[in-house]
Amino acid sequence: MRSFKKVGIMFLALVFVLGGIGGAFAAWTDSISIEGTVETGSVGLSVEDYSGTAAWKVSDEENEITTTGLIKENEEWVFEVPDNRIIDEPIGTALARAGGAEEADVVFEFDNLFPCVDWCANFVIHNSGSIPVKLFADIDTNDEWLKDLWDRGYVTVSATWIASDDPEKVDQAVDITAPVQVHPCEQIMVVLCIYIPQELEMDLEGSFSAWIGAIQWNKAADAGNYFPPNND
């Protein structure tokens, strides 16, 4: 009987001890909830404007030719007609325009070219994305006479900053045959000029293709090389 009492007392003592331990670990609590959003940027190029060149005959006596700008207004081409012209319509034209459904994004059309005139057409590239990109370009042709003009420097491609977040860039030339960084909303005018030398044959026809791309480019261990093969 005495041993039974001892067991009961030890049991009650153990209950009190365990109860005390539980009370020691009790605490008031509070928390802060968190929600987040994640959005990635966008890479995008758009064409903002087009213009070109028109050549006019202005003098029969001296066989004088003058060139004027060819601009787009309300989706129509408008000639800056010289006052002293003797021919109502241009003899030859060079222009860049927006491509149709079955065409490239930009179409260059050089029509009825003749020697000793700088036939230039241009368009404006706009970084319409939300992040900086590297811009690069390539041009090619399968026509040997156009390749020859290119090799001899009679076909030229140039580019100029026309809008930038850095005012010192504006009106500066930039080489887009090598990658160049363009920030959001910046604009670059690309100009393609063809000069016909006097010794070139008549009645030639040719075509060329060009490609301008943009890539968001940062150094990273797994980035790889995403530039085209001709733009190392």
C-alpha atoms as a PDB file:
ATOM      1  CA  MET A   1       0.000   0.000   0.000  1.00  0.00           C
ATOM      2  CA  ARG A   2       2.789   2.369   0.880  1.00  0.00           C
ATOM      3  CA  SER A   3       4.568   1.641  -2.429  1.00  0.00           C
ATOM      4  CA  PHE A   4       1.351   2.402  -4.354  1.00  0.00           C
ATOM      5  CA  LYS A   5       1.178   5.852  -2.736  1.00  0.00           C
ATOM      6  CA  LYS A   6       4.743   6.521  -3.740  1.00  0.00           C
ATOM      7  CA  VAL A   7       3.962   5.639  -7.380  1.00  0.00           C
ATOM      8  CA  GLY A   8       0.937   7.958  -7.349  1.00  0.00           C
ATOM      9  CA  ILE A   9       2.954  10.819  -5.909  1.00  0.00           C
ATOM     10  CA  MET A  10       5.691  10.352  -8.514  1.00  0.00           C
ATOM     11  CA  PHE A  11       3.055  10.331 -11.296  1.00  0.00           C
ATOM     12  CA  LEU A  12       1.519  13.579 -10.097  1.00  0.00           C
ATOM     13  CA  ALA A  13       4.963  15.160  -9.834  1.00  0.00           C
ATOM     14  CA  LEU A  14       5.749  14.132 -13.422  1.00  0.00           C
ATOM     15  CA  VAL A  15       2.473  15.689 -14.633  1.00  0.00           C
ATOM     16  CA  PHE A  16       3.332  18.998 -12.950  1.00  0.00           C
ATOM     17  CA  VAL A  17       6.827  18.946 -14.403  1.00  0.00           C
ATOM     18  CA  LEU A  18       5.615  18.320 -17.963  1.00  0.00           C
ATOM     19  CA  GLY A  19       2.947  20.965 -17.552  1.00  0.00           C
ATOM     20  CA  GLY A  20       5.592  23.428 -16.490  1.00  0.00           C
ATOM     21  CA  ILE A  21       7.719  22.632 -19.523  1.00  0.00           C
ATOM     22  CA  GLY A  22       4.780  23.246 -21.850  1.00  0.00           C
ATOM     23  CA  GLY A  23       4.099  26.589 -20.247  1.00  0.00           C
ATOM     24  CA  ALA A  24       7.725  27.622 -20.638  1.00  0.00           C
ATOM     25  CA  PHE A  25       7.548  27.250 -24.441  1.00  0.00           C
ATOM     26  CA  ALA A  26       4.266  29.108 -24.945  1.00  0.00           C
ATOM     27  CA  ALA A  27       4.587  32.603 -26.577  1.00  0.00           C
ATOM     28  CA  TRP A  28       2.558  35.313 -28.301  1.00  0.00           C
ATOM     29  CA  THR A  29       3.102  35.393 -32.128  1.00  0.00           C
ATOM     30  CA  ASP A  30       2.697  37.738 -35.039  1.00  0.00           C
ATOM     31  CA  SER A  31       3.542  37.591 -38.812  1.00  0.00           C
ATOM     32  CA  ILE A  32       4.017  39.709 -41.913  1.00  0.00           C
ATOM     33  CA  SER A  33       2.536  38.463 -45.208  1.00  0.00           C
ATOM     34  CA  ILE A  34       4.459  39.001 -48.459  1.00  0.00           C
ATOM     35  CA  GLU A  35       3.308  39.058 -52.080  1.00  0.00           C
ATOM     36  CA  GLY A  36       5.478  39.786 -55.126  1.00  0.00           C
ATOM     37  CA  THR A  37       5.304  40.305 -58.889  1.00  0.00           C
ATOM     38  CA  VAL A  38       7.925  39.537 -61.523  1.00  0.00           C
ATOM     39  CA  GLU A  39       7.974  40.954 -65.054  1.00  0.00           C
ATOM     40  CA  THR A  40      10.613  40.570 -67.757  1.00  0.00           C
ATOM     41  CA  GLY A  41      11.583  43.325 -70.187  1.00  0.00           C
ATOM     42  CA  SER A  42      11.004  43.300 -73.934  1.00  0.00           C
ATOM     43  CA  VAL A  43      13.271  43.542 -76.966  1.00  0.00           C
ATOM     44  CA  GLY A  44      11.745  45.346 -79.927  1.00  0.00           C
ATOM     45  CA  LEU A  45      12.659  47.315 -83.057  1.00  0.00           C
ATOM     46  CA  SER A  46      10.318  49.488 -85.092  1.00  0.00           C
ATOM     47  CA  VAL A  47      10.687  51.741 -88.117  1.00  0.00           C
ATOM     48  CA  GLU A  48       9.629  55.334 -87.515  1.00  0.00           C
ATOM     49  CA  ASP A  49      10.260  57.190 -90.763  1.00  0.00           C
ATOM     50  CA  TYR A  50      11.378  56.866 -94.393  1.00  0.00           C
ATOM     51  CA  SER A  51      12.881  59.247 -96.950  1.00  0.00           C
ATOM     52  CA  GLY A  52      14.823  59.233-100.199  1.00  0.00           C
ATOM     53  CA  THR A  53      16.248  61.086-103.185  1.00  0.00           C
ATOM     54  CA  ALA A  54      14.742  62.436-106.411  1.00  0.00           C
ATOM     55  CA  ALA A  55      16.775  63.746-109.369  1.00  0.00           C
ATOM     56  CA  TRP A  56      15.464  66.481-111.679  1.00  0.00           C
ATOM     57  CA  LYS A  57      16.591  67.987-114.984  1.00  0.00           C
ATOM     58  CA  VAL A  58      16.933  71.768-114.512  1.00  0.00           C
ATOM     59  CA  SER A  59      18.919  72.969-117.541  1.00  0.00           C
ATOM     60  CA  ASP A  60      19.033  71.826-121.152  1.00  0.00           C
ATOM     61  CA  GLU A  61      22.008  74.020-122.041  1.00  0.00           C
ATOM     62  CA  GLU A  62      24.373  72.655-119.382  1.00  0.00           C
ATOM     63  CA  ASN A  63      22.681  69.287-118.889  1.00  0.00           C
ATOM     64  CA  GLU A  64      22.341  70.230-115.227  1.00  0.00           C
ATOM     65  CA  ILE A  65      20.841  67.774-112.754  1.00  0.00           C
ATOM     66  CA  THR A  66      19.720  68.582-109.243  1.00  0.00           C
ATOM     67  CA  THR A  67      18.661  66.255-106.451  1.00  0.00           C
ATOM     68  CA  THR A  68      16.038  66.929-103.813  1.00  0.00           C
ATOM     69  CA  GLY A  69      14.579  65.143-100.834  1.00  0.00           C
ATOM     70  CA  LEU A  70      11.806  62.610-101.173  1.00  0.00           C
ATOM     71  CA  ILE A  71       9.699  62.497 -98.008  1.00  0.00           C
ATOM     72  CA  LYS A  72       6.580  60.726 -96.767  1.00  0.00           C
ATOM     73  CA  GLU A  73       3.569  62.768 -95.686  1.00  0.00           C
ATOM     74  CA  ASN A  74       0.213  61.177 -94.815  1.00  0.00           C
ATOM     75  CA  GLU A  75       1.312  57.896 -96.417  1.00  0.00           C
ATOM     76  CA  GLU A  76       2.093  59.678 -99.706  1.00  0.00           C
ATOM     77  CA  TRP A  77       5.500  60.437-101.202  1.00  0.00           C
ATOM     78  CA  VAL A  78       6.069  64.157-101.607  1.00  0.00           C
ATOM     79  CA  PHE A  79       8.796  65.617-103.820  1.00  0.00           C
ATOM     80  CA  GLU A  80      10.613  68.771-102.829  1.00  0.00           C
ATOM     81  CA  VAL A  81      10.180  70.163-106.338  1.00  0.00           C
ATOM     82  CA  PRO A  82      12.940  72.606-107.415  1.00  0.00           C
ATOM     83  CA  ASP A  83      11.708  75.920-108.851  1.00  0.00           C
ATOM     84  CA  ASN A  84      14.018  75.775-111.880  1.00  0.00           C
ATOM     85  CA  ARG A  85      13.078  72.305-113.079  1.00  0.00           C
ATOM     86  CA  ILE A  86      12.296  71.773-116.742  1.00  0.00           C
ATOM     87  CA  ILE A  87      10.953  68.244-116.263  1.00  0.00           C
ATOM     88  CA  ASP A  88       7.761  67.865-114.212  1.00  0.00           C
ATOM     89  CA  GLU A  89       8.558  64.426-112.807  1.00  0.00           C
ATOM     90  CA  PRO A  90      11.880  63.188-111.422  1.00  0.00           C
ATOM     91  CA  ILE A  91      14.153  61.320-113.796  1.00  0.00           C
ATOM     92  CA  GLY A  92      15.200  58.829-111.175  1.00  0.00           C
ATOM     93  CA  THR A  93      14.338  58.083-107.557  1.00  0.00           C
ATOM     94  CA  ALA A  94      15.668  56.247-104.530  1.00  0.00           C
ATOM     95  CA  LEU A  95      13.390  55.517-101.603  1.00  0.00           C
ATOM     96  CA  ALA A  96      12.841  53.294 -98.610  1.00  0.00           C
ATOM     97  CA  ARG A  97       9.294  52.285 -97.751  1.00  0.00           C
ATOM     98  CA  ALA A  98       7.376  49.978 -95.466  1.00  0.00           C
ATOM     99  CA  GLY A  99       7.013  46.480 -96.848  1.00  0.00           C
ATOM    100  CA  GLY A 100       3.682  44.826 -97.558  1.00  0.00           C
ATOM    101  CA  ALA A 101       2.351  41.496 -96.340  1.00  0.00           C
ATOM    102  CA  GLU A 102       4.541  39.507 -98.742  1.00  0.00           C
ATOM    103  CA  GLU A 103       7.629  41.726 -98.380  1.00  0.00           C
ATOM    104  CA  ALA A 104      10.373  42.525 -95.937  1.00  0.00           C
ATOM    105  CA  ASP A 105       9.777  45.092 -93.183  1.00  0.00           C
ATOM    106  CA  VAL A 106      11.673  47.757 -95.167  1.00  0.00           C
ATOM    107  CA  VAL A 107      11.911  47.839 -98.965  1.00  0.00           C
ATOM    108  CA  PHE A 108      14.513  49.912-100.820  1.00  0.00           C
ATOM    109  CA  GLU A 109      13.600  50.900-104.387  1.00  0.00           C
ATOM    110  CA  PHE A 110      16.209  52.482-106.662  1.00  0.00           C
ATOM    111  CA  ASP A 111      14.637  53.331-110.008  1.00  0.00           C
ATOM    112  CA  ASN A 112      16.165  54.613-113.262  1.00  0.00           C
ATOM    113  CA  LEU A 113      19.557  55.467-111.770  1.00  0.00           C
ATOM    114  CA  PHE A 114      22.168  57.217-113.874  1.00  0.00           C
ATOM    115  CA  PRO A 115      25.807  58.190-113.263  1.00  0.00           C
ATOM    116  CA  CYS A 116      27.300  60.866-111.048  1.00  0.00           C
ATOM    117  CA  VAL A 117      24.429  61.208-108.555  1.00  0.00           C
ATOM    118  CA  ASP A 118      24.405  60.087-104.922  1.00  0.00           C
ATOM    119  CA  TRP A 119      21.231  58.028-104.761  1.00  0.00           C
ATOM    120  CA  CYS A 120      20.407  57.769-101.065  1.00  0.00           C
ATOM    121  CA  ALA A 121      17.417  56.374 -99.207  1.00  0.00           C
ATOM    122  CA  ASN A 122      17.011  55.985 -95.484  1.00  0.00           C
ATOM    123  CA  PHE A 123      14.810  54.851 -92.639  1.00  0.00           C
ATOM    124  CA  VAL A 124      14.813  55.371 -88.872  1.00  0.00           C
ATOM    125  CA  ILE A 125      15.209  52.508 -86.400  1.00  0.00           C
ATOM    126  CA  HIS A 126      13.597  52.976 -82.993  1.00  0.00           C
ATOM    127  CA  ASN A 127      14.304  50.816 -79.941  1.00  0.00           C
ATOM    128  CA  SER A 128      10.662  50.295 -79.025  1.00  0.00           C
ATOM    129  CA  GLY A 129      11.466  47.714 -76.355  1.00  0.00           C
ATOM    130  CA  SER A 130      11.877  48.346 -72.640  1.00  0.00           C
ATOM    131  CA  ILE A 131      15.551  47.340 -72.249  1.00  0.00           C
ATOM    132  CA  PRO A 132      18.876  48.210 -73.924  1.00  0.00           C
ATOM    133  CA  VAL A 133      19.888  46.053 -76.901  1.00  0.00           C
ATOM    134  CA  LYS A 134      22.861  45.429 -79.121  1.00  0.00           C
ATOM    135  CA  LEU A 135      22.036  46.404 -82.706  1.00  0.00           C
ATOM    136  CA  PHE A 136      23.836  44.822 -85.670  1.00  0.00           C
ATOM    137  CA  ALA A 137      23.373  44.608 -89.459  1.00  0.00           C
ATOM    138  CA  ASP A 138      24.386  42.575 -92.480  1.00  0.00           C
ATOM    139  CA  ILE A 139      23.856  43.072 -96.223  1.00  0.00           C
ATOM    140  CA  ASP A 140      24.320  40.675 -99.151  1.00  0.00           C
ATOM    141  CA  THR A 141      23.685  40.335-102.880  1.00  0.00           C
ATOM    142  CA  ASN A 142      24.023  37.631-105.527  1.00  0.00           C
ATOM    143  CA  ASP A 143      24.540  40.126-108.368  1.00  0.00           C
ATOM    144  CA  GLU A 144      28.197  40.456-109.322  1.00  0.00           C
ATOM    145  CA  TRP A 145      27.894  44.028-110.597  1.00  0.00           C
ATOM    146  CA  LEU A 146      26.407  45.145-107.253  1.00  0.00           C
ATOM    147  CA  LYS A 147      29.141  43.248-105.395  1.00  0.00           C
ATOM    148  CA  ASP A 148      31.695  45.084-107.532  1.00  0.00           C
ATOM    149  CA  LEU A 149      30.142  48.461-106.689  1.00  0.00           C
ATOM    150  CA  TRP A 150      30.246  47.518-103.005  1.00  0.00           C
ATOM    151  CA  ASP A 151      33.879  46.416-103.166  1.00  0.00           C
ATOM    152  CA  ARG A 152      34.844  49.641-104.944  1.00  0.00           C
ATOM    153  CA  GLY A 153      33.069  51.810-102.371  1.00  0.00           C
ATOM    154  CA  TYR A 154      30.190  52.941-104.604  1.00  0.00           C
ATOM    155  CA  VAL A 155      27.581  51.364-102.303  1.00  0.00           C
ATOM    156  CA  THR A 156      27.711  52.649 -98.747  1.00  0.00           C
ATOM    157  CA  VAL A 157      25.707  52.141 -95.584  1.00  0.00           C
ATOM    158  CA  SER A 158      25.901  54.724 -92.824  1.00  0.00           C
ATOM    159  CA  ALA A 159      23.992  55.352 -89.616  1.00  0.00           C
ATOM    160  CA  THR A 160      23.503  58.398 -87.401  1.00  0.00           C
ATOM    161  CA  TRP A 161      22.014  58.901 -83.950  1.00  0.00           C
ATOM    162  CA  ILE A 162      18.948  61.154 -84.223  1.00  0.00           C
ATOM    163  CA  ALA A 163      17.521  60.680 -80.707  1.00  0.00           C
ATOM    164  CA  SER A 164      19.308  59.522 -77.577  1.00  0.00           C
ATOM    165  CA  ASP A 165      19.263  59.762 -73.804  1.00  0.00           C
ATOM    166  CA  ASP A 166      22.795  61.153 -74.211  1.00  0.00           C
ATOM    167  CA  PRO A 167      22.615  64.504 -76.078  1.00  0.00           C
ATOM    168  CA  GLU A 168      26.259  64.164 -77.136  1.00  0.00           C
ATOM    169  CA  LYS A 169      25.359  61.143 -79.284  1.00  0.00           C
ATOM    170  CA  VAL A 170      22.852  63.031 -81.461  1.00  0.00           C
ATOM    171  CA  ASP A 171      24.083  63.594 -85.045  1.00  0.00           C
ATOM    172  CA  GLN A 172      27.118  61.370 -84.460  1.00  0.00           C
ATOM    173  CA  ALA A 173      27.883  58.560 -86.898  1.00  0.00           C
ATOM    174  CA  VAL A 174      27.646  54.998 -85.642  1.00  0.00           C
ATOM    175  CA  ASP A 175      28.831  51.754 -87.259  1.00  0.00           C
ATOM    176  CA  ILE A 176      25.991  49.221 -87.197  1.00  0.00           C
ATOM    177  CA  THR A 177      27.994  46.574 -89.063  1.00  0.00           C
ATOM    178  CA  ALA A 178      29.501  45.976 -85.603  1.00  0.00           C
ATOM    179  CA  PRO A 179      27.194  45.612 -82.572  1.00  0.00           C
ATOM    180  CA  VAL A 180      26.238  48.950 -81.012  1.00  0.00           C
ATOM    181  CA  GLN A 181      24.214  49.445 -77.820  1.00  0.00           C
ATOM    182  CA  VAL A 182      20.881  51.227 -78.200  1.00  0.00           C
ATOM    183  CA  HIS A 183      18.813  52.237 -75.172  1.00  0.00           C
ATOM    184  CA  PRO A 184      14.994  52.294 -75.035  1.00  0.00           C
ATOM    185  CA  CYS A 185      13.455  55.117 -77.118  1.00  0.00           C
ATOM    186  CA  GLU A 186      16.762  55.883 -78.860  1.00  0.00           C
ATOM    187  CA  GLN A 187      16.660  56.252 -82.645  1.00  0.00           C
ATOM    188  CA  ILE A 188      19.213  55.696 -85.398  1.00  0.00           C
ATOM    189  CA  MET A 189      18.856  56.728 -89.046  1.00  0.00           C
ATOM    190  CA  VAL A 190      20.223  54.175 -91.522  1.00  0.00           C
ATOM    191  CA  VAL A 191      21.197  55.525 -94.943  1.00  0.00           C
ATOM    192  CA  LEU A 192      21.951  53.397 -98.016  1.00  0.00           C
ATOM    193  CA  CYS A 193      23.591  55.219-100.942  1.00  0.00           C
ATOM    194  CA  ILE A 194      24.419  53.990-104.447  1.00  0.00           C
ATOM    195  CA  TYR A 195      26.665  55.931-106.823  1.00  0.00           C
ATOM    196  CA  ILE A 196      26.691  54.830-110.460  1.00  0.00           C
ATOM    197  CA  PRO A 197      30.105  55.359-112.136  1.00  0.00           C
ATOM    198  CA  GLN A 198      30.136  56.519-115.728  1.00  0.00           C
ATOM    199  CA  GLU A 199      31.749  53.310-117.022  1.00  0.00           C
ATOM    200  CA  LEU A 200      29.028  51.003-115.651  1.00  0.00           C
ATOM    201  CA  GLU A 201      26.900  49.199-118.230  1.00  0.00           C
ATOM    202  CA  MET A 202      23.324  50.291-118.932  1.00  0.00           C
ATOM    203  CA  ASP A 203      20.081  48.370-118.348  1.00  0.00           C
ATOM    204  CA  LEU A 204      21.325  46.452-115.332  1.00  0.00           C
ATOM    205  CA  GLU A 205      18.996  44.978-112.745  1.00  0.00           C
ATOM    206  CA  GLY A 206      19.888  43.634-109.340  1.00  0.00           C
ATOM    207  CA  SER A 207      18.658  43.004-105.844  1.00  0.00           C
ATOM    208  CA  PHE A 208      20.063  42.741-102.356  1.00  0.00           C
ATOM    209  CA  SER A 209      18.934  41.638 -98.937  1.00  0.00           C
ATOM    210  CA  ALA A 210      19.759  43.132 -95.561  1.00  0.00           C
ATOM    211  CA  TRP A 211      19.080  42.112 -92.011  1.00  0.00           C
ATOM    212  CA  ILE A 212      19.108  44.241 -88.879  1.00  0.00           C
ATOM    213  CA  GLY A 213      18.721  42.544 -85.532  1.00  0.00           C
ATOM    214  CA  ALA A 214      18.728  43.372 -81.853  1.00  0.00           C
ATOM    215  CA  ILE A 215      19.666  41.260 -78.869  1.00  0.00           C
ATOM    216  CA  GLN A 216      19.769  41.948 -75.153  1.00  0.00           C
ATOM    217  CA  TRP A 217      23.362  41.115 -74.312  1.00  0.00           C
ATOM    218  CA  ASN A 218      25.011  40.719 -70.914  1.00  0.00           C
ATOM    219  CA  LYS A 219      28.037  38.658 -69.953  1.00  0.00           C
ATOM    220  CA  ALA A 220      27.056  35.435 -68.210  1.00  0.00           C
ATOM    221  CA  ALA A 221      28.605  32.009 -67.803  1.00  0.00           C
ATOM    222  CA  ASP A 222      25.798  30.281 -69.732  1.00  0.00           C
ATOM    223  CA  ALA A 223      24.948  33.077 -72.174  1.00  0.00           C
ATOM    224  CA  GLY A 224      26.497  31.430 -75.212  1.00  0.00           C
ATOM    225  CA  ASN A 225      27.069  33.331 -78.459  1.00  0.00           C
ATOM    226  CA  TYR A 226      23.773  34.494 -79.958  1.00  0.00           C
ATOM    227  CA  PHE A 227      25.186  36.861 -82.557  1.00  0.00           C
ATOM    228  CA  PRO A 228      24.771  35.775 -86.187  1.00  0.00           C
ATOM    229  CA  PRO A 229      27.772  33.998 -87.786  1.00  0.00           C
ATOM    230  CA  ASN A 230      28.788  37.110 -89.745  1.00  0.00           C
ATOM    231  CA  ASN A 231      28.757  39.350 -86.666  1.00  0.00           C
ATOM    232  CA  ASP A 232      31.314  37.774 -84.339  1.00  0.00           C
END
